[in-house]
Structures are given as structure tokens and as C-alpha cells.
Amino acid sequence: MSPSVPSHPSKTFRRALLALAPLALLLAAAAPPAASPDPANRADVVLRSAEAAPAPAVPKWAIAIHGGAGTMPKDIPESEKQAYLGSLSKALTLGRDVLARGGTSLDAVEAVVRFLEDDPLFNAGKGAVYTHEGTHELDAAIMDGRTLACGSVAALKTVKNPIALARLVMEKSPHVFLVGDGAEAFATAMKVERVDPHYFDTPKRWQQLQEALKKEKEQKDRDTVGAVALDQHGNLAAATSTGGLTNKRFGRLGDVPVIGAGTYANNRTCAVSATGIGEEFIKHTVSHDISALMEYSGLTLQQAADRVIHQKLKPGDGGVIGVAHDGSIALVFNSEGMYRGAADANGRFEVAIW
């Protein structure tokens, strides 16, 4: 009889299987893993995706400044030319830095105008021209394009920085325009810096007065200073300051403190600061007219400024600086020259006279 076959593995067979189990585990561990994406390829995909992503937008801001317009002979001494260009460059850098770090357009234009008021080269603050009586009377205005709030001061005699007082009128009073003794009284209440009236004296301006007295006619000084800006928050502002006309009489005021003539800002359109023969800028409400042409006729800032300066005003009347809500800049004048500068977030930075 043949031996029967057991129905279950023998003990010997089971022992053999158990002995082979560790070897199977080792072989499984040593085997290459199932196909998976190459880590290098994954990194490459991520890199390509990052390269394809659009670069973050540079925050938009822009600024333009002026130091007056008028007859400026191109044969002035090189040292004088460089002095003006150097001062404009410092002022423009000051305003640029405020805007680049996220500061407001109001802070930027005030800082620029304060700087120019302290520079005797320009007809504002320290370098203000003389009246017929041999005194100084200073005017300034500032406007917030976001709210249309504005402040103006005129006929100041002891306020070191008129633009600072103009801003206080805008922000700390219910009024828009303060003049003469009333403005001085407000300056006392606001505790702004005051100076002796002779602080504003400079030999250059005194000589201009003597020449004007000999001729007994007004000198068309246009050394007004101003700044306009768009900040990263989308708000516009304008500021202007002046000492007026040499040999001026009878409490004469020009366009600078007149909102809509020499100074205007509106977030819907633009910010404008003017310089030139004030009476003409008042007659044509130049700053507001440029804004209105943009708002009602759809003109660009450059087109509107060109139309007003070159078609409505007479040659030699002066010029304007402007910044639009889209960051575009216009520097337009019909006089021989205009001290000016412009900068923006795209790297533009320039100053010029002619």
C-alpha cells in the first residue's frame, strides 16, 4: 500500500517557510520604490510656476515741484544755475522719500514747500520779495484732493513757514481763507514758529526793490514755489507759497492763495500748482480750469494744461505743474523758463530750468 499524502503541510515545510520570511522582508525593503515624480522635476515645476507668476505691482506715486517761472537768461553764471538745480533736487528728493515710504500726498507737498520757503533763492518765505514800503507779505495755500478741504493765508508778516499755517487753517479751523492780522492771530493761537519781519530780508530782493522804485513799475516776479503729489493711497494734494510781486502796493494779492486759480486738487482729476502773473491766473481760474477740462471734456492732464497755458494765457504769463489721478505728470509753461522737477514710482527723477 502506498503511503498516504498528508492534507496539511508537514512540520518540516512550515519550518522552511518561516525561515524564508526574513529574507523576503529584506528583499522587499531593498527593492526600488514604485514610480513616483522625480523630486528634481517637482522643484522644476514649482520654479517654472513662480517664474510665470506676474511680478507684484509697484505702488503708484508721483510728484512735481516748481520754484517759479519767468525770464531766466540762459547765460546766468554756472554757479547760480547749479545752486537752483541743487536746491530743486533736494526738495524733490524730500517729497519723493515721503511718498516712497507710503506717506501722504499732503505731507509730501507741505514738506517740499517748507524746504523751498527756507531757501533764500526762491520768492517764498526767507527769500520773499519786498513791498513798496520795504516790508514782506507772504501768501500760501494747500488743498486735499480727497475731500476738497483747503486752507489759504495771505499778507503774513511774521510766520516763518506760511504753508504750515495754511494747512492748520484747513485742518484746525472751520474756515478756508485767513488774511493779515486775523491770520497772524490764528498763528499765535496755533503756536506756529514766528520770526522777526527782518528774517525775510535778503540782499538780492532788496536790490530788486531799489531797481523797481527807480522805474516805479511792478516787477513781474514769478519765483513762487509749489508742489503737487499723488500718494500710494490714491490721494492728490497741491501746495503753493509766494512772497508776491516786488514793489507791490495796496494790499495786492495774487493767485497763489486763491483756490482754483493758483492752487487746486481733486482726486477725480488732478492736482495743480501755478506760477506766473497772478492777475492772469485769477482771471482764467487756471488751476480749476485744467481740472474741469479733464472732468467734463475727457482731456488728459497734458492736453488740458497745454490748452490753458498756450491758448488761454498770453505768452510769458507763466506755467503750471500737475499730477493726475493716474500718476501722469505735466510741466507746462509759456515763459522763458520754469524752475521745476518731477519724480515717480517708475524711477523718473529730473530737475530743469529751461
Foldseek 3Di string as FASTA:
>chain_A
DDDDDDPDDDPVVVVVVVVCVVVVVVVVVPDDDDDDDDPVVVVVVVVVVVVPDDDDDQQWKKKKKFQWFFDDDPPDDPVLVVVLFVLQQVLQVQLVVCQNVQHAQQVSFLSSQLSSLPDLVFFFQLVNAAALVRFFKKKKKKAKQVVRQIFIEIGDQWARRRQVLRVCCRVVHPDHYYYDPRSVVVCVVVVGDTHHRCSSDDPVNVVVLVVCVVVVDWDWTFRKIKMWMAHSVLIIMIMIMGRDIHHHDDRDDFQRRPELQQWYHHSVWKTKGWTFGRVQSVVVSLGNQLRCCCVPVVDHSQVSQCCCAVPVDDQRRGGMWMATSVGDIYTDHRHPWIFMWMDISVGDTDTDTD
